[in-house]
């Protein structure tokens, strides 16, 4: 288990490095790292999935996203260095449309990690299960918000 301050210290040191290129290089670390006490921050909304900011910086943003059954994101791309998504609780699905217009569908389970960036494709994320889902999203650089 890692505290939010420990995760922040690691990310500050890593992503702020001028030679840092992509979050894909952190995929294994992200899979192995478990944020402690994340359950205390979880809230859900009826209208749309809930975005809860944990860390906001110029270099990256770390957010919890809380999904009720049936909620989905719009189709969207990602910032230059990409996005890592870790499933904290439940199952989450996505559809990726690749640059050559091929569509792939995936389902991710607790502790699975996915990487997405514009060179991989645009995607939409959705909760097709009958249970609430929580995912942890790391975006780089910071300041990213999907088109809603």
N, C-alpha and C. Protein backbone atom coordinates (compact mmCIF):
# COMPACT_ATOMS: atom_id res chain seq x y z
N UNK A 1 0.84 -1.19 0.00
CA UNK A 1 0.00 0.00 0.00
C UNK A 1 0.88 1.24 0.00
N UNK A 2 0.47 2.22 -0.77
CA UNK A 2 1.21 3.48 -0.84
C UNK A 2 0.26 4.62 -0.52
N UNK A 3 0.76 5.57 0.25
CA UNK A 3 -0.05 6.75 0.56
C UNK A 3 -0.08 7.66 -0.66
N UNK A 4 -1.04 8.56 -0.66
CA UNK A 4 -1.14 9.53 -1.75
C UNK A 4 0.13 10.38 -1.83
N UNK A 5 0.72 10.73 -0.69
CA UNK A 5 1.95 11.53 -0.71
C UNK A 5 3.13 10.74 -1.27
N UNK A 6 3.18 9.43 -1.02
CA UNK A 6 4.25 8.60 -1.60
C UNK A 6 4.09 8.49 -3.12
N UNK A 7 2.87 8.31 -3.57
CA UNK A 7 2.62 8.25 -5.01
C UNK A 7 2.96 9.58 -5.65
N UNK A 8 2.56 10.67 -5.01
CA UNK A 8 2.87 12.01 -5.54
C UNK A 8 4.37 12.22 -5.65
N UNK A 9 5.12 11.85 -4.64
CA UNK A 9 6.58 12.02 -4.66
C UNK A 9 7.20 11.25 -5.83
N UNK A 10 6.75 10.01 -6.03
CA UNK A 10 7.27 9.21 -7.15
C UNK A 10 6.92 9.85 -8.49
N UNK A 11 5.66 10.23 -8.66
CA UNK A 11 5.23 10.81 -9.93
C UNK A 11 5.89 12.15 -10.19
N UNK A 12 6.02 12.98 -9.15
CA UNK A 12 6.70 14.28 -9.31
C UNK A 12 8.12 14.07 -9.82
N UNK A 13 8.81 13.11 -9.25
CA UNK A 13 10.20 12.84 -9.61
C UNK A 13 10.31 12.24 -11.02
N UNK A 14 9.35 11.42 -11.40
CA UNK A 14 9.43 10.69 -12.67
C UNK A 14 8.90 11.49 -13.85
N UNK A 15 7.68 11.98 -13.74
CA UNK A 15 7.02 12.62 -14.88
C UNK A 15 7.57 14.01 -15.16
N UNK A 16 8.09 14.69 -14.14
CA UNK A 16 8.65 16.03 -14.37
C UNK A 16 10.02 15.98 -15.04
N UNK A 17 10.60 14.79 -15.15
CA UNK A 17 11.90 14.63 -15.82
C UNK A 17 11.74 15.02 -17.29
N UNK A 18 12.62 15.90 -17.81
CA UNK A 18 12.49 16.33 -19.20
C UNK A 18 12.58 15.19 -20.22
N UNK A 19 13.15 14.07 -19.85
CA UNK A 19 13.27 12.93 -20.76
C UNK A 19 12.06 11.99 -20.71
N UNK A 20 11.10 12.28 -19.83
CA UNK A 20 9.92 11.42 -19.72
C UNK A 20 9.08 11.53 -20.99
N UNK A 21 8.70 10.38 -21.56
CA UNK A 21 7.98 10.39 -22.83
C UNK A 21 6.54 9.91 -22.75
N UNK A 22 6.27 8.85 -21.98
CA UNK A 22 4.95 8.25 -22.03
C UNK A 22 4.62 7.52 -20.73
N UNK A 23 3.35 7.59 -20.35
CA UNK A 23 2.90 6.85 -19.18
C UNK A 23 3.00 5.34 -19.39
N UNK A 24 3.08 4.90 -20.63
CA UNK A 24 3.21 3.46 -20.91
C UNK A 24 4.40 2.87 -20.17
N UNK A 25 5.45 3.67 -20.00
CA UNK A 25 6.65 3.18 -19.30
C UNK A 25 6.38 2.93 -17.81
N UNK A 26 5.27 3.45 -17.29
CA UNK A 26 4.93 3.28 -15.86
C UNK A 26 3.85 2.22 -15.65
N UNK A 27 3.47 1.52 -16.69
CA UNK A 27 2.34 0.59 -16.59
C UNK A 27 2.57 -0.49 -15.52
N UNK A 28 3.74 -1.08 -15.46
CA UNK A 28 4.02 -2.11 -14.46
C UNK A 28 3.98 -1.52 -13.05
N UNK A 29 4.61 -0.36 -12.86
CA UNK A 29 4.59 0.31 -11.55
C UNK A 29 3.15 0.59 -11.13
N UNK A 30 2.33 1.08 -12.06
CA UNK A 30 0.94 1.43 -11.77
C UNK A 30 0.15 0.18 -11.35
N UNK A 31 0.42 -0.92 -12.01
CA UNK A 31 -0.26 -2.19 -11.68
C UNK A 31 0.12 -2.65 -10.27
N UNK A 32 1.38 -2.51 -9.92
CA UNK A 32 1.89 -3.01 -8.64
C UNK A 32 1.60 -2.09 -7.47
N UNK A 33 1.30 -0.83 -7.74
CA UNK A 33 1.09 0.16 -6.67
C UNK A 33 -0.38 0.21 -6.30
N UNK A 34 -0.66 0.12 -5.01
CA UNK A 34 -2.03 0.21 -4.52
C UNK A 34 -2.16 1.43 -3.62
N UNK A 35 -3.05 2.31 -3.98
CA UNK A 35 -3.33 3.50 -3.19
C UNK A 35 -4.10 3.11 -1.94
N UNK A 36 -3.58 3.49 -0.77
CA UNK A 36 -4.32 3.15 0.45
C UNK A 36 -5.43 4.18 0.72
N UNK A 37 -6.45 3.74 1.38
CA UNK A 37 -7.58 4.57 1.80
C UNK A 37 -8.36 5.21 0.65
N UNK A 38 -8.27 4.66 -0.55
CA UNK A 38 -9.01 5.25 -1.67
C UNK A 38 -10.53 5.13 -1.47
N UNK A 39 -10.95 4.12 -0.74
CA UNK A 39 -12.39 3.90 -0.53
C UNK A 39 -13.04 5.08 0.18
N UNK A 40 -12.27 5.80 1.01
CA UNK A 40 -12.81 6.94 1.75
C UNK A 40 -13.14 8.13 0.86
N UNK A 41 -12.66 8.13 -0.37
CA UNK A 41 -12.86 9.26 -1.28
C UNK A 41 -13.98 9.02 -2.30
N UNK A 42 -14.51 7.82 -2.33
CA UNK A 42 -15.47 7.42 -3.35
C UNK A 42 -16.84 8.04 -3.11
N UNK A 43 -17.39 8.65 -4.17
CA UNK A 43 -18.78 9.11 -4.19
C UNK A 43 -19.32 8.88 -5.59
N UNK A 44 -20.61 8.67 -5.69
CA UNK A 44 -21.25 8.42 -6.98
C UNK A 44 -22.30 9.48 -7.24
N UNK A 45 -22.58 9.73 -8.51
CA UNK A 45 -23.64 10.64 -8.92
C UNK A 45 -24.58 9.91 -9.86
N UNK A 46 -25.84 10.32 -9.86
CA UNK A 46 -26.82 9.67 -10.73
C UNK A 46 -26.70 10.11 -12.18
N UNK A 47 -26.40 11.38 -12.42
CA UNK A 47 -26.44 11.94 -13.77
C UNK A 47 -25.30 11.44 -14.66
N UNK A 48 -24.11 11.29 -14.09
CA UNK A 48 -22.94 10.91 -14.87
C UNK A 48 -21.90 10.32 -13.93
N UNK A 49 -20.88 9.71 -14.52
CA UNK A 49 -19.80 9.21 -13.67
C UNK A 49 -19.14 10.38 -12.96
N UNK A 50 -18.58 10.13 -11.80
CA UNK A 50 -18.01 11.18 -10.94
C UNK A 50 -16.49 11.17 -11.06
N UNK A 51 -15.90 12.35 -11.29
CA UNK A 51 -14.45 12.52 -11.36
C UNK A 51 -13.98 13.18 -10.06
N UNK A 52 -13.09 12.51 -9.33
CA UNK A 52 -12.60 13.01 -8.05
C UNK A 52 -11.10 13.24 -8.18
N UNK A 53 -10.69 14.50 -8.12
CA UNK A 53 -9.28 14.85 -8.27
C UNK A 53 -8.51 14.50 -7.00
N UNK A 54 -7.45 13.70 -7.15
CA UNK A 54 -6.58 13.35 -6.03
C UNK A 54 -5.30 14.17 -6.04
N UNK A 55 -4.70 14.34 -7.21
CA UNK A 55 -3.50 15.15 -7.38
C UNK A 55 -3.65 15.91 -8.69
N UNK A 56 -3.36 17.20 -8.65
CA UNK A 56 -3.44 18.03 -9.85
C UNK A 56 -2.12 18.77 -9.97
N UNK A 57 -1.45 18.60 -11.11
CA UNK A 57 -0.19 19.32 -11.33
C UNK A 57 -0.05 19.66 -12.80
N UNK A 58 0.95 20.43 -13.10
CA UNK A 58 1.23 20.78 -14.50
C UNK A 58 1.64 19.53 -15.29
N UNK A 59 2.30 18.60 -14.64
CA UNK A 59 2.86 17.42 -15.31
C UNK A 59 1.89 16.26 -15.43
N UNK A 60 0.97 16.13 -14.49
CA UNK A 60 0.04 15.00 -14.49
C UNK A 60 -1.14 15.29 -13.58
N UNK A 61 -2.21 14.52 -13.76
CA UNK A 61 -3.36 14.54 -12.88
C UNK A 61 -3.69 13.10 -12.50
N UNK A 62 -4.06 12.89 -11.24
CA UNK A 62 -4.48 11.58 -10.76
C UNK A 62 -5.91 11.72 -10.24
N UNK A 63 -6.82 10.92 -10.78
CA UNK A 63 -8.22 11.01 -10.41
C UNK A 63 -8.83 9.65 -10.14
N UNK A 64 -9.79 9.61 -9.24
CA UNK A 64 -10.68 8.46 -9.10
C UNK A 64 -11.92 8.75 -9.92
N UNK A 65 -12.37 7.78 -10.69
CA UNK A 65 -13.64 7.90 -11.41
C UNK A 65 -14.59 6.85 -10.87
N UNK A 66 -15.80 7.28 -10.54
CA UNK A 66 -16.80 6.42 -9.92
C UNK A 66 -17.97 6.27 -10.88
N UNK A 67 -18.27 5.03 -11.24
CA UNK A 67 -19.24 4.71 -12.28
C UNK A 67 -20.40 3.90 -11.69
N UNK A 68 -21.61 4.40 -11.83
CA UNK A 68 -22.79 3.60 -11.51
C UNK A 68 -23.11 2.71 -12.71
N UNK A 69 -23.90 1.66 -12.51
CA UNK A 69 -24.28 0.81 -13.65
C UNK A 69 -24.89 1.64 -14.78
N UNK A 70 -24.44 1.35 -16.01
CA UNK A 70 -24.96 2.02 -17.20
C UNK A 70 -24.28 3.34 -17.55
N UNK A 71 -23.45 3.89 -16.68
CA UNK A 71 -22.79 5.16 -16.99
C UNK A 71 -21.64 4.94 -17.96
N UNK A 72 -21.41 5.95 -18.83
CA UNK A 72 -20.35 5.85 -19.82
C UNK A 72 -19.77 7.22 -20.12
N UNK A 73 -18.55 7.21 -20.62
CA UNK A 73 -17.90 8.44 -21.05
C UNK A 73 -18.25 8.68 -22.52
N UNK A 74 -18.05 9.91 -22.98
CA UNK A 74 -18.14 10.13 -24.42
C UNK A 74 -16.90 9.54 -25.10
N UNK A 75 -16.93 9.38 -26.41
CA UNK A 75 -15.73 8.98 -27.14
C UNK A 75 -14.74 10.13 -27.01
N UNK A 76 -13.49 9.80 -26.65
CA UNK A 76 -12.51 10.85 -26.40
C UNK A 76 -11.09 10.35 -26.63
N UNK A 77 -10.20 11.30 -26.83
CA UNK A 77 -8.77 11.02 -26.95
C UNK A 77 -8.09 11.32 -25.63
N UNK A 78 -6.77 11.33 -25.66
CA UNK A 78 -6.01 11.57 -24.44
C UNK A 78 -4.81 12.46 -24.70
N UNK A 79 -4.27 13.07 -23.63
CA UNK A 79 -3.15 13.99 -23.80
C UNK A 79 -1.90 13.29 -24.32
N UNK A 80 -0.95 14.11 -24.65
CA UNK A 80 0.28 13.69 -25.34
C UNK A 80 0.96 12.47 -24.74
N UNK A 81 1.09 12.41 -23.43
CA UNK A 81 1.81 11.29 -22.81
C UNK A 81 0.89 10.16 -22.38
N UNK A 82 -0.40 10.30 -22.67
CA UNK A 82 -1.34 9.21 -22.48
C UNK A 82 -2.06 9.17 -21.15
N UNK A 83 -2.69 8.03 -20.93
CA UNK A 83 -3.50 7.80 -19.73
C UNK A 83 -3.34 6.35 -19.30
N UNK A 84 -3.19 6.15 -18.00
CA UNK A 84 -3.24 4.82 -17.41
C UNK A 84 -4.52 4.73 -16.59
N UNK A 85 -5.21 3.62 -16.71
CA UNK A 85 -6.43 3.37 -15.95
C UNK A 85 -6.25 2.07 -15.19
N UNK A 86 -6.49 2.12 -13.88
CA UNK A 86 -6.45 0.91 -13.05
C UNK A 86 -7.83 0.69 -12.47
N UNK A 87 -8.33 -0.53 -12.61
CA UNK A 87 -9.63 -0.86 -12.05
C UNK A 87 -9.45 -1.18 -10.57
N UNK A 88 -10.04 -0.34 -9.73
CA UNK A 88 -9.91 -0.50 -8.28
C UNK A 88 -10.98 -1.44 -7.72
N UNK A 89 -12.17 -1.39 -8.33
CA UNK A 89 -13.28 -2.22 -7.85
C UNK A 89 -14.26 -2.43 -8.99
N UNK A 90 -14.63 -3.66 -9.24
CA UNK A 90 -15.62 -3.96 -10.27
C UNK A 90 -14.99 -4.26 -11.62
N UNK A 91 -15.83 -4.22 -12.66
CA UNK A 91 -15.42 -4.47 -14.04
C UNK A 91 -15.80 -3.27 -14.90
N UNK A 92 -14.93 -2.87 -15.79
CA UNK A 92 -15.17 -1.72 -16.66
C UNK A 92 -14.84 -2.12 -18.08
N UNK A 93 -15.60 -1.63 -19.03
CA UNK A 93 -15.38 -1.96 -20.44
C UNK A 93 -15.03 -0.71 -21.22
N UNK A 94 -14.37 -0.92 -22.37
CA UNK A 94 -14.14 0.19 -23.29
C UNK A 94 -14.20 -0.31 -24.72
N UNK A 95 -14.40 0.64 -25.62
CA UNK A 95 -14.30 0.41 -27.06
C UNK A 95 -13.27 1.39 -27.57
N UNK A 96 -12.27 0.86 -28.27
CA UNK A 96 -11.21 1.69 -28.83
C UNK A 96 -11.39 1.73 -30.34
N UNK A 97 -11.39 2.95 -30.88
CA UNK A 97 -11.38 3.13 -32.33
C UNK A 97 -9.97 3.54 -32.71
N UNK A 98 -9.28 2.66 -33.43
CA UNK A 98 -7.89 2.91 -33.79
C UNK A 98 -7.80 3.97 -34.88
N UNK A 99 -6.60 4.53 -35.10
CA UNK A 99 -6.45 5.53 -36.16
C UNK A 99 -6.90 5.02 -37.55
N UNK A 100 -6.83 3.71 -37.80
CA UNK A 100 -7.30 3.18 -39.09
C UNK A 100 -8.76 2.71 -39.02
N UNK A 101 -9.49 3.18 -38.00
CA UNK A 101 -10.93 2.99 -37.84
C UNK A 101 -11.36 1.56 -37.47
N UNK A 102 -10.45 0.74 -36.96
CA UNK A 102 -10.84 -0.56 -36.43
C UNK A 102 -11.35 -0.36 -35.00
N UNK A 103 -12.37 -1.11 -34.64
CA UNK A 103 -12.95 -1.00 -33.30
C UNK A 103 -12.69 -2.29 -32.53
N UNK A 104 -12.15 -2.14 -31.32
CA UNK A 104 -11.95 -3.29 -30.45
C UNK A 104 -12.67 -3.03 -29.13
N UNK A 105 -13.26 -4.08 -28.58
CA UNK A 105 -13.96 -3.98 -27.30
C UNK A 105 -13.19 -4.80 -26.27
N UNK A 106 -13.09 -4.26 -25.07
CA UNK A 106 -12.35 -4.92 -23.99
C UNK A 106 -13.12 -4.80 -22.69
N UNK A 107 -12.94 -5.77 -21.82
CA UNK A 107 -13.46 -5.68 -20.46
C UNK A 107 -12.28 -5.87 -19.51
N UNK A 108 -12.23 -5.02 -18.50
CA UNK A 108 -11.13 -5.03 -17.53
C UNK A 108 -11.70 -5.35 -16.15
N UNK A 109 -10.91 -6.06 -15.37
CA UNK A 109 -11.34 -6.53 -14.06
C UNK A 109 -10.48 -5.89 -12.97
N UNK A 110 -10.86 -6.09 -11.72
CA UNK A 110 -10.14 -5.49 -10.61
C UNK A 110 -8.64 -5.72 -10.73
N UNK A 111 -7.88 -4.64 -10.57
CA UNK A 111 -6.41 -4.59 -10.65
C UNK A 111 -5.86 -4.61 -12.07
N UNK A 112 -6.70 -4.75 -13.10
CA UNK A 112 -6.21 -4.62 -14.47
C UNK A 112 -5.82 -3.17 -14.73
N UNK A 113 -4.82 -2.99 -15.60
CA UNK A 113 -4.36 -1.66 -15.98
C UNK A 113 -4.38 -1.58 -17.50
N UNK A 114 -4.91 -0.48 -18.02
CA UNK A 114 -4.87 -0.25 -19.46
C UNK A 114 -4.18 1.07 -19.74
N UNK A 115 -3.54 1.14 -20.90
CA UNK A 115 -2.89 2.36 -21.38
C UNK A 115 -3.61 2.80 -22.64
N UNK A 116 -3.88 4.10 -22.72
CA UNK A 116 -4.51 4.65 -23.92
C UNK A 116 -3.87 6.00 -24.22
N UNK A 117 -3.65 6.26 -25.49
CA UNK A 117 -3.13 7.55 -25.97
C UNK A 117 -3.67 7.74 -27.38
N UNK A 118 -3.57 8.94 -27.89
CA UNK A 118 -4.13 9.22 -29.21
C UNK A 118 -3.53 8.35 -30.31
N UNK A 119 -2.26 7.96 -30.17
CA UNK A 119 -1.67 7.10 -31.20
C UNK A 119 -2.22 5.67 -31.14
N UNK A 120 -2.81 5.28 -30.01
CA UNK A 120 -3.48 3.98 -29.88
C UNK A 120 -4.89 4.07 -30.45
N UNK A 121 -5.56 5.19 -30.17
CA UNK A 121 -6.90 5.43 -30.66
C UNK A 121 -7.71 6.24 -29.67
N UNK A 122 -8.93 6.54 -30.06
CA UNK A 122 -9.87 7.19 -29.16
C UNK A 122 -10.75 6.09 -28.57
N UNK A 123 -11.29 6.37 -27.38
CA UNK A 123 -12.12 5.33 -26.77
C UNK A 123 -13.26 5.93 -25.98
N UNK A 124 -14.18 5.06 -25.61
CA UNK A 124 -15.20 5.41 -24.63
C UNK A 124 -15.20 4.30 -23.61
N UNK A 125 -15.48 4.67 -22.38
CA UNK A 125 -15.43 3.75 -21.25
C UNK A 125 -16.85 3.64 -20.70
N UNK A 126 -17.23 2.44 -20.28
CA UNK A 126 -18.59 2.29 -19.77
C UNK A 126 -18.68 1.15 -18.76
N UNK A 127 -19.66 1.30 -17.87
CA UNK A 127 -19.95 0.29 -16.87
C UNK A 127 -21.19 -0.47 -17.33
N UNK A 128 -20.98 -1.67 -17.88
CA UNK A 128 -22.12 -2.48 -18.33
C UNK A 128 -22.57 -3.47 -17.26
N UNK A 129 -21.91 -3.44 -16.11
CA UNK A 129 -22.28 -4.37 -15.04
C UNK A 129 -23.45 -3.81 -14.24
N UNK A 130 -23.92 -4.59 -13.30
CA UNK A 130 -25.01 -4.14 -12.42
C UNK A 130 -24.49 -3.67 -11.07
N UNK A 131 -23.17 -3.43 -11.00
CA UNK A 131 -22.54 -2.98 -9.75
C UNK A 131 -21.78 -1.68 -10.00
N UNK A 132 -21.54 -0.93 -8.93
CA UNK A 132 -20.72 0.27 -9.02
C UNK A 132 -19.27 -0.12 -9.32
N UNK A 133 -18.57 0.75 -10.04
CA UNK A 133 -17.18 0.52 -10.42
C UNK A 133 -16.37 1.75 -10.05
N UNK A 134 -15.12 1.53 -9.61
CA UNK A 134 -14.19 2.63 -9.32
C UNK A 134 -12.90 2.38 -10.09
N UNK A 135 -12.42 3.42 -10.77
CA UNK A 135 -11.16 3.31 -11.52
C UNK A 135 -10.26 4.49 -11.17
N UNK A 136 -8.96 4.25 -11.25
CA UNK A 136 -7.94 5.26 -10.94
C UNK A 136 -7.27 5.65 -12.25
N UNK A 137 -7.33 6.95 -12.59
CA UNK A 137 -6.83 7.45 -13.88
C UNK A 137 -5.66 8.39 -13.67
N UNK A 138 -4.60 8.16 -14.43
CA UNK A 138 -3.41 9.00 -14.42
C UNK A 138 -3.25 9.58 -15.82
N UNK A 139 -3.31 10.91 -15.93
CA UNK A 139 -3.19 11.61 -17.21
C UNK A 139 -1.91 12.42 -17.23
N UNK A 140 -1.23 12.46 -18.37
CA UNK A 140 -0.05 13.32 -18.50
C UNK A 140 -0.02 13.90 -19.91
N UNK A 141 0.24 15.20 -20.02
CA UNK A 141 0.44 16.15 -18.93
C UNK A 141 -0.86 16.45 -18.20
N UNK A 142 -0.76 17.28 -17.16
CA UNK A 142 -1.91 17.65 -16.36
C UNK A 142 -2.84 18.60 -17.10
N UNK A 143 -4.00 18.82 -16.51
CA UNK A 143 -4.96 19.76 -17.08
C UNK A 143 -5.88 19.15 -18.12
N UNK A 144 -5.87 17.83 -18.26
CA UNK A 144 -6.71 17.17 -19.27
C UNK A 144 -8.12 16.97 -18.76
N UNK A 145 -9.10 17.28 -19.60
CA UNK A 145 -10.50 16.95 -19.34
C UNK A 145 -11.09 16.43 -20.64
N UNK A 146 -11.71 15.26 -20.63
CA UNK A 146 -12.30 14.77 -21.89
C UNK A 146 -13.46 15.65 -22.32
N UNK A 147 -13.69 15.72 -23.63
CA UNK A 147 -14.84 16.46 -24.14
C UNK A 147 -16.10 15.78 -23.63
N UNK A 148 -16.97 16.55 -23.02
CA UNK A 148 -18.19 15.97 -22.45
C UNK A 148 -19.39 16.40 -23.26
